[in-house]
């Protein structure tokens, strides 16, 4: 059973070599707020997505914009060439919940209210259109 897990981990590592992505971990905003921004750019062409993020009023959009630029740079590094206009698309983007800091706020009559300071992890995949057609 242990050998089977090792083989699947090796296959996963090989599959990641052909994927182009960037991760942002432990972002101190709630996953719900970050998902609103992620939903805006899912499936978009990267230059259009950068424009949408740049002019969005959401605080999380600045972080996602930086993450998208990183994913584009990763694609360019692995392919050893610059990305052309209209070539790259945001294929997948997902937001997972991170660690939650639990705090107490004083409340009336000696009670304490719980405060949950949430964080999240964002993973963004980019790819060119012609590789999407094969799958």
N, C-alpha and C. Protein backbone atom coordinates (compact mmCIF):
# COMPACT_ATOMS: atom_id res chain seq x y z
N UNK A 1 0.82 -1.19 0.00
CA UNK A 1 0.00 0.00 0.00
C UNK A 1 0.86 1.26 0.00
N UNK A 2 1.98 1.24 0.71
CA UNK A 2 2.86 2.39 0.76
C UNK A 2 3.50 2.66 -0.58
N UNK A 3 3.81 1.59 -1.34
CA UNK A 3 4.44 1.76 -2.66
C UNK A 3 3.46 2.41 -3.63
N UNK A 4 2.18 2.09 -3.51
CA UNK A 4 1.18 2.67 -4.40
C UNK A 4 1.05 4.17 -4.17
N UNK A 5 1.12 4.58 -2.90
CA UNK A 5 1.06 6.01 -2.60
C UNK A 5 2.28 6.73 -3.16
N UNK A 6 3.44 6.10 -3.11
CA UNK A 6 4.66 6.72 -3.60
C UNK A 6 4.59 6.92 -5.11
N UNK A 7 4.05 5.96 -5.82
CA UNK A 7 3.92 6.07 -7.27
C UNK A 7 2.97 7.21 -7.63
N UNK A 8 1.85 7.31 -6.92
CA UNK A 8 0.91 8.37 -7.24
C UNK A 8 1.50 9.75 -6.94
N UNK A 9 2.34 9.85 -5.91
CA UNK A 9 3.00 11.12 -5.61
C UNK A 9 3.98 11.49 -6.72
N UNK A 10 4.68 10.49 -7.27
CA UNK A 10 5.61 10.75 -8.37
C UNK A 10 4.85 11.19 -9.62
N UNK A 11 3.70 10.56 -9.90
CA UNK A 11 2.89 10.96 -11.04
C UNK A 11 2.38 12.38 -10.86
N UNK A 12 2.01 12.73 -9.63
CA UNK A 12 1.51 14.07 -9.35
C UNK A 12 2.61 15.10 -9.61
N UNK A 13 3.84 14.78 -9.20
CA UNK A 13 4.95 15.70 -9.42
C UNK A 13 5.23 15.87 -10.91
N UNK A 14 5.13 14.80 -11.67
CA UNK A 14 5.33 14.88 -13.12
C UNK A 14 4.23 15.72 -13.77
N UNK A 15 3.00 15.55 -13.30
CA UNK A 15 1.88 16.32 -13.85
C UNK A 15 2.04 17.80 -13.55
N UNK A 16 2.58 18.14 -12.38
CA UNK A 16 2.76 19.55 -12.02
C UNK A 16 3.82 20.23 -12.88
N UNK A 17 4.74 19.45 -13.45
CA UNK A 17 5.77 20.03 -14.31
C UNK A 17 5.19 20.58 -15.60
N UNK A 18 4.06 20.04 -16.04
CA UNK A 18 3.44 20.51 -17.27
C UNK A 18 2.35 21.55 -17.01
N UNK A 19 2.07 21.84 -15.72
CA UNK A 19 1.07 22.84 -15.37
C UNK A 19 1.77 24.14 -15.02
N UNK A 20 1.07 25.24 -15.23
CA UNK A 20 1.63 26.56 -14.96
C UNK A 20 0.74 27.22 -13.93
N UNK A 21 1.25 27.42 -12.72
CA UNK A 21 0.41 27.92 -11.64
C UNK A 21 1.22 28.78 -10.68
N UNK A 22 0.51 29.43 -9.79
CA UNK A 22 1.12 30.19 -8.70
C UNK A 22 0.22 30.03 -7.48
N UNK A 23 0.82 30.02 -6.31
CA UNK A 23 0.07 29.88 -5.07
C UNK A 23 0.31 31.08 -4.18
N UNK A 24 -0.72 31.45 -3.46
CA UNK A 24 -0.63 32.52 -2.47
C UNK A 24 -1.21 31.94 -1.19
N UNK A 25 -0.39 31.85 -0.16
CA UNK A 25 -0.85 31.18 1.05
C UNK A 25 -0.93 32.14 2.23
N UNK A 26 -1.81 31.83 3.16
CA UNK A 26 -2.00 32.57 4.40
C UNK A 26 -2.31 34.05 4.16
N UNK A 27 -3.27 34.30 3.27
CA UNK A 27 -3.72 35.67 3.02
C UNK A 27 -4.70 36.02 4.13
N UNK A 28 -4.49 37.14 4.84
CA UNK A 28 -5.33 37.44 6.01
C UNK A 28 -6.68 38.08 5.67
N UNK A 29 -7.40 37.50 4.71
CA UNK A 29 -8.78 37.91 4.44
C UNK A 29 -9.63 36.65 4.44
N UNK A 30 -10.92 36.82 4.59
CA UNK A 30 -11.77 35.64 4.63
C UNK A 30 -11.86 35.01 3.24
N UNK A 31 -12.00 33.69 3.18
CA UNK A 31 -12.10 33.02 1.88
C UNK A 31 -13.29 33.50 1.06
N UNK A 32 -14.36 33.87 1.73
CA UNK A 32 -15.57 34.31 1.03
C UNK A 32 -15.31 35.59 0.23
N UNK A 33 -14.57 36.53 0.84
CA UNK A 33 -14.25 37.79 0.15
C UNK A 33 -13.30 37.54 -1.02
N UNK A 34 -12.37 36.61 -0.83
CA UNK A 34 -11.41 36.31 -1.89
C UNK A 34 -12.09 35.58 -3.05
N UNK A 35 -13.08 34.73 -2.75
CA UNK A 35 -13.79 34.00 -3.81
C UNK A 35 -14.56 34.95 -4.72
N UNK A 36 -15.04 36.07 -4.19
CA UNK A 36 -15.74 37.06 -5.03
C UNK A 36 -14.81 37.58 -6.11
N UNK A 37 -13.54 37.81 -5.76
CA UNK A 37 -12.55 38.29 -6.73
C UNK A 37 -12.16 37.17 -7.68
N UNK A 38 -11.98 35.96 -7.16
CA UNK A 38 -11.59 34.82 -7.99
C UNK A 38 -12.66 34.52 -9.04
N UNK A 39 -13.93 34.66 -8.67
CA UNK A 39 -15.02 34.39 -9.60
C UNK A 39 -15.06 35.40 -10.75
N UNK A 40 -14.54 36.63 -10.49
CA UNK A 40 -14.55 37.66 -11.54
C UNK A 40 -13.66 37.29 -12.71
N UNK A 41 -12.52 36.60 -12.45
CA UNK A 41 -11.54 36.38 -13.51
C UNK A 41 -11.45 34.95 -14.00
N UNK A 42 -12.21 34.04 -13.42
CA UNK A 42 -12.13 32.63 -13.82
C UNK A 42 -12.48 32.48 -15.30
N UNK A 43 -11.56 31.84 -16.07
CA UNK A 43 -11.79 31.58 -17.48
C UNK A 43 -11.42 32.72 -18.41
N UNK A 44 -11.01 33.85 -17.88
CA UNK A 44 -10.69 35.02 -18.70
C UNK A 44 -9.31 34.92 -19.33
N UNK A 45 -9.12 35.69 -20.39
CA UNK A 45 -7.79 35.88 -20.97
C UNK A 45 -6.99 36.73 -19.98
N UNK A 46 -5.68 36.45 -19.83
CA UNK A 46 -4.92 37.05 -18.72
C UNK A 46 -4.81 38.57 -18.81
N UNK A 47 -4.66 39.15 -20.00
CA UNK A 47 -4.55 40.61 -20.08
C UNK A 47 -5.86 41.29 -19.68
N UNK A 48 -6.96 40.68 -20.07
CA UNK A 48 -8.27 41.22 -19.68
C UNK A 48 -8.47 41.07 -18.17
N UNK A 49 -8.04 39.92 -17.63
CA UNK A 49 -8.16 39.69 -16.19
C UNK A 49 -7.33 40.69 -15.40
N UNK A 50 -6.12 41.01 -15.89
CA UNK A 50 -5.28 42.00 -15.22
C UNK A 50 -5.97 43.36 -15.19
N UNK A 51 -6.63 43.73 -16.28
CA UNK A 51 -7.37 44.99 -16.33
C UNK A 51 -8.53 45.01 -15.35
N UNK A 52 -9.26 43.90 -15.29
CA UNK A 52 -10.40 43.81 -14.37
C UNK A 52 -9.92 43.94 -12.93
N UNK A 53 -8.82 43.26 -12.61
CA UNK A 53 -8.30 43.31 -11.23
C UNK A 53 -7.75 44.69 -10.88
N UNK A 54 -7.10 45.33 -11.84
CA UNK A 54 -6.49 46.65 -11.59
C UNK A 54 -7.55 47.68 -11.21
N UNK A 55 -8.71 47.63 -11.87
CA UNK A 55 -9.73 48.64 -11.64
C UNK A 55 -10.85 48.17 -10.70
N UNK A 56 -10.66 47.03 -10.07
CA UNK A 56 -11.64 46.56 -9.09
C UNK A 56 -11.43 47.29 -7.76
N UNK A 57 -12.52 47.57 -7.07
CA UNK A 57 -12.42 48.30 -5.80
C UNK A 57 -12.18 47.36 -4.61
N UNK A 58 -12.18 46.06 -4.85
CA UNK A 58 -11.98 45.09 -3.76
C UNK A 58 -10.52 45.09 -3.30
N UNK A 59 -10.31 44.95 -2.01
CA UNK A 59 -8.95 44.93 -1.46
C UNK A 59 -8.20 43.68 -1.90
N UNK A 60 -8.92 42.58 -2.03
CA UNK A 60 -8.29 41.30 -2.40
C UNK A 60 -7.81 41.29 -3.85
N UNK A 61 -8.33 42.18 -4.69
CA UNK A 61 -7.97 42.15 -6.10
C UNK A 61 -6.51 42.50 -6.34
N UNK A 62 -5.91 43.33 -5.49
CA UNK A 62 -4.49 43.68 -5.63
C UNK A 62 -3.62 42.44 -5.40
N UNK A 63 -4.00 41.63 -4.43
CA UNK A 63 -3.24 40.40 -4.15
C UNK A 63 -3.38 39.39 -5.29
N UNK A 64 -4.58 39.26 -5.83
CA UNK A 64 -4.81 38.31 -6.92
C UNK A 64 -4.10 38.79 -8.19
N UNK A 65 -4.05 40.11 -8.39
CA UNK A 65 -3.35 40.66 -9.56
C UNK A 65 -1.87 40.29 -9.50
N UNK A 66 -1.27 40.44 -8.33
CA UNK A 66 0.15 40.08 -8.16
C UNK A 66 0.36 38.59 -8.38
N UNK A 67 -0.58 37.78 -7.90
CA UNK A 67 -0.51 36.33 -8.08
C UNK A 67 -0.62 35.95 -9.55
N UNK A 68 -1.51 36.62 -10.29
CA UNK A 68 -1.67 36.35 -11.71
C UNK A 68 -0.40 36.71 -12.48
N UNK A 69 0.22 37.83 -12.13
CA UNK A 69 1.49 38.21 -12.77
C UNK A 69 2.56 37.16 -12.51
N UNK A 70 2.56 36.59 -11.31
CA UNK A 70 3.51 35.53 -10.96
C UNK A 70 3.26 34.27 -11.79
N UNK A 71 1.99 33.91 -11.97
CA UNK A 71 1.65 32.72 -12.76
C UNK A 71 2.06 32.91 -14.23
N UNK A 72 1.88 34.12 -14.75
CA UNK A 72 2.30 34.41 -16.13
C UNK A 72 3.81 34.28 -16.25
N UNK A 73 4.53 34.81 -15.26
CA UNK A 73 6.00 34.72 -15.27
C UNK A 73 6.45 33.26 -15.18
N UNK A 74 5.74 32.45 -14.41
CA UNK A 74 6.07 31.02 -14.32
C UNK A 74 5.88 30.35 -15.67
N UNK A 75 4.80 30.70 -16.39
CA UNK A 75 4.54 30.13 -17.71
C UNK A 75 5.66 30.52 -18.67
N UNK A 76 6.05 31.80 -18.63
CA UNK A 76 7.11 32.28 -19.52
C UNK A 76 8.44 31.61 -19.20
N UNK A 77 8.70 31.37 -17.92
CA UNK A 77 9.95 30.73 -17.51
C UNK A 77 10.01 29.28 -18.00
N UNK A 78 8.91 28.55 -17.86
CA UNK A 78 8.90 27.15 -18.26
C UNK A 78 8.92 26.98 -19.78
N UNK A 79 8.30 27.91 -20.51
CA UNK A 79 8.26 27.81 -21.97
C UNK A 79 9.39 28.57 -22.66
N UNK A 80 10.18 29.30 -21.89
CA UNK A 80 11.34 30.06 -22.38
C UNK A 80 10.98 31.02 -23.51
N UNK A 81 9.82 31.67 -23.38
CA UNK A 81 9.42 32.71 -24.33
C UNK A 81 8.37 33.58 -23.68
N UNK A 82 8.14 34.76 -24.29
CA UNK A 82 7.13 35.68 -23.78
C UNK A 82 5.74 35.24 -24.22
N UNK A 83 4.76 35.54 -23.38
CA UNK A 83 3.38 35.21 -23.72
C UNK A 83 2.83 36.24 -24.71
N UNK A 84 2.20 35.77 -25.78
CA UNK A 84 1.59 36.66 -26.77
C UNK A 84 0.24 37.14 -26.26
N UNK A 85 -0.26 38.22 -26.87
CA UNK A 85 -1.59 38.73 -26.51
C UNK A 85 -2.65 37.71 -26.89
N UNK A 86 -3.56 37.44 -25.99
CA UNK A 86 -4.65 36.51 -26.26
C UNK A 86 -4.27 35.05 -26.21
N UNK A 87 -3.06 34.75 -25.77
CA UNK A 87 -2.60 33.36 -25.75
C UNK A 87 -2.93 32.66 -24.44
N UNK A 88 -2.71 33.33 -23.32
CA UNK A 88 -2.89 32.70 -22.01
C UNK A 88 -4.27 33.00 -21.42
N UNK A 89 -4.80 32.00 -20.73
CA UNK A 89 -6.09 32.12 -20.06
C UNK A 89 -5.98 31.62 -18.63
N UNK A 90 -6.83 32.14 -17.74
CA UNK A 90 -6.93 31.64 -16.37
C UNK A 90 -7.78 30.38 -16.45
N UNK A 91 -7.14 29.20 -16.39
CA UNK A 91 -7.91 27.97 -16.55
C UNK A 91 -8.63 27.59 -15.26
N UNK A 92 -7.91 27.66 -14.15
CA UNK A 92 -8.52 27.32 -12.86
C UNK A 92 -8.04 28.32 -11.82
N UNK A 93 -8.92 28.67 -10.91
CA UNK A 93 -8.52 29.44 -9.74
C UNK A 93 -9.42 28.97 -8.60
N UNK A 94 -8.80 28.61 -7.50
CA UNK A 94 -9.62 28.24 -6.36
C UNK A 94 -9.05 28.77 -5.07
N UNK A 95 -9.97 28.99 -4.12
CA UNK A 95 -9.64 29.59 -2.83
C UNK A 95 -10.02 28.60 -1.75
N UNK A 96 -9.05 28.22 -0.95
CA UNK A 96 -9.28 27.31 0.16
C UNK A 96 -9.10 28.06 1.47
N UNK A 97 -9.81 27.63 2.48
CA UNK A 97 -9.67 28.26 3.79
C UNK A 97 -8.33 27.91 4.42
N UNK A 98 -7.75 28.88 5.10
CA UNK A 98 -6.49 28.66 5.80
C UNK A 98 -6.72 28.56 7.29
N UNK A 99 -5.68 28.84 8.05
CA UNK A 99 -5.78 28.79 9.50
C UNK A 99 -6.68 29.93 10.00
N UNK A 100 -7.42 29.65 11.05
CA UNK A 100 -8.27 30.66 11.66
C UNK A 100 -7.73 31.02 13.03
N UNK A 101 -7.46 32.31 13.25
CA UNK A 101 -7.05 32.77 14.57
C UNK A 101 -8.30 33.02 15.38
N UNK A 102 -8.35 32.46 16.57
CA UNK A 102 -9.54 32.61 17.41
C UNK A 102 -9.22 33.62 18.52
N UNK A 103 -10.06 34.65 18.61
CA UNK A 103 -9.86 35.71 19.59
C UNK A 103 -11.15 35.92 20.37
N UNK A 104 -11.04 36.59 21.51
CA UNK A 104 -12.22 36.89 22.33
C UNK A 104 -12.39 38.40 22.43
N UNK A 105 -13.63 38.86 22.32
CA UNK A 105 -13.95 40.27 22.50
C UNK A 105 -14.80 40.40 23.76
N UNK A 106 -14.46 41.32 24.64
CA UNK A 106 -15.27 41.50 25.84
C UNK A 106 -16.71 41.87 25.48
N UNK A 107 -17.65 41.30 26.22
CA UNK A 107 -19.06 41.54 25.97
C UNK A 107 -19.73 41.88 27.31
N UNK A 108 -20.94 42.38 27.24
CA UNK A 108 -21.62 42.79 28.49
C UNK A 108 -21.83 41.62 29.46
N UNK A 109 -21.93 41.96 30.74
CA UNK A 109 -22.23 41.03 31.83
C UNK A 109 -21.17 39.93 31.95
N UNK A 110 -19.93 40.27 31.71
CA UNK A 110 -18.83 39.33 31.93
C UNK A 110 -18.67 38.25 30.88
N UNK A 111 -19.40 38.37 29.81
CA UNK A 111 -19.29 37.36 28.76
C UNK A 111 -18.18 37.75 27.78
N UNK A 112 -17.88 36.82 26.89
CA UNK A 112 -16.91 37.09 25.83
C UNK A 112 -17.46 36.58 24.50
N UNK A 113 -17.38 37.40 23.47
CA UNK A 113 -17.81 36.98 22.14
C UNK A 113 -16.60 36.49 21.36
N UNK A 114 -16.81 35.43 20.59
CA UNK A 114 -15.73 34.88 19.77
C UNK A 114 -15.54 35.70 18.51
N UNK A 115 -14.29 35.92 18.15
CA UNK A 115 -13.95 36.55 16.87
C UNK A 115 -13.09 35.55 16.13
N UNK A 116 -13.46 35.26 14.88
CA UNK A 116 -12.65 34.35 14.06
C UNK A 116 -11.98 35.16 12.97
N UNK A 117 -10.66 35.26 13.04
CA UNK A 117 -9.90 35.97 12.02
C UNK A 117 -9.46 34.94 11.01
N UNK A 118 -10.14 34.92 9.88
CA UNK A 118 -9.94 33.87 8.89
C UNK A 118 -8.81 34.23 7.94
N UNK A 119 -8.23 33.19 7.33
CA UNK A 119 -7.23 33.40 6.28
C UNK A 119 -7.53 32.41 5.16
N UNK A 120 -6.82 32.54 4.02
CA UNK A 120 -7.11 31.66 2.91
C UNK A 120 -5.85 31.39 2.10
N UNK A 121 -5.96 30.39 1.23
CA UNK A 121 -4.91 30.02 0.28
C UNK A 121 -5.53 30.09 -1.12
N UNK A 122 -4.84 30.75 -2.04
CA UNK A 122 -5.32 30.90 -3.41
C UNK A 122 -4.37 30.16 -4.34
N UNK A 123 -4.90 29.36 -5.26
CA UNK A 123 -4.11 28.69 -6.29
C UNK A 123 -4.68 29.08 -7.64
N UNK A 124 -3.80 29.55 -8.53
CA UNK A 124 -4.23 30.07 -9.83
C UNK A 124 -3.45 29.35 -10.93
N UNK A 125 -4.17 28.76 -11.88
CA UNK A 125 -3.56 28.05 -13.01
C UNK A 125 -3.77 28.85 -14.28
N UNK A 126 -2.71 28.99 -15.10
CA UNK A 126 -2.84 29.61 -16.42
C UNK A 126 -2.38 28.60 -17.46
N UNK A 127 -2.93 28.71 -18.67
CA UNK A 127 -2.51 27.83 -19.75
C UNK A 127 -2.92 28.45 -21.08
N UNK A 128 -2.30 27.99 -22.14
CA UNK A 128 -2.65 28.51 -23.46
C UNK A 128 -3.88 27.78 -23.98
N UNK A 129 -4.56 28.39 -24.93
CA UNK A 129 -5.84 27.85 -25.42
C UNK A 129 -5.65 26.52 -26.14
N UNK A 130 -4.57 26.36 -26.91
CA UNK A 130 -4.41 25.14 -27.71
C UNK A 130 -4.21 23.91 -26.85
N UNK A 131 -3.61 24.03 -25.66
CA UNK A 131 -3.48 22.85 -24.78
C UNK A 131 -4.81 22.54 -24.10
N UNK A 132 -5.67 23.55 -23.95
CA UNK A 132 -7.00 23.30 -23.38
C UNK A 132 -7.87 22.49 -24.34
N UNK A 133 -7.69 22.70 -25.65
CA UNK A 133 -8.51 21.99 -26.63
C UNK A 133 -8.22 20.49 -26.64
N UNK A 134 -6.97 20.10 -26.36
CA UNK A 134 -6.60 18.69 -26.36
C UNK A 134 -7.27 17.93 -25.23
N UNK A 135 -7.48 18.60 -24.09
CA UNK A 135 -8.03 17.92 -22.92
C UNK A 135 -9.52 17.78 -22.98
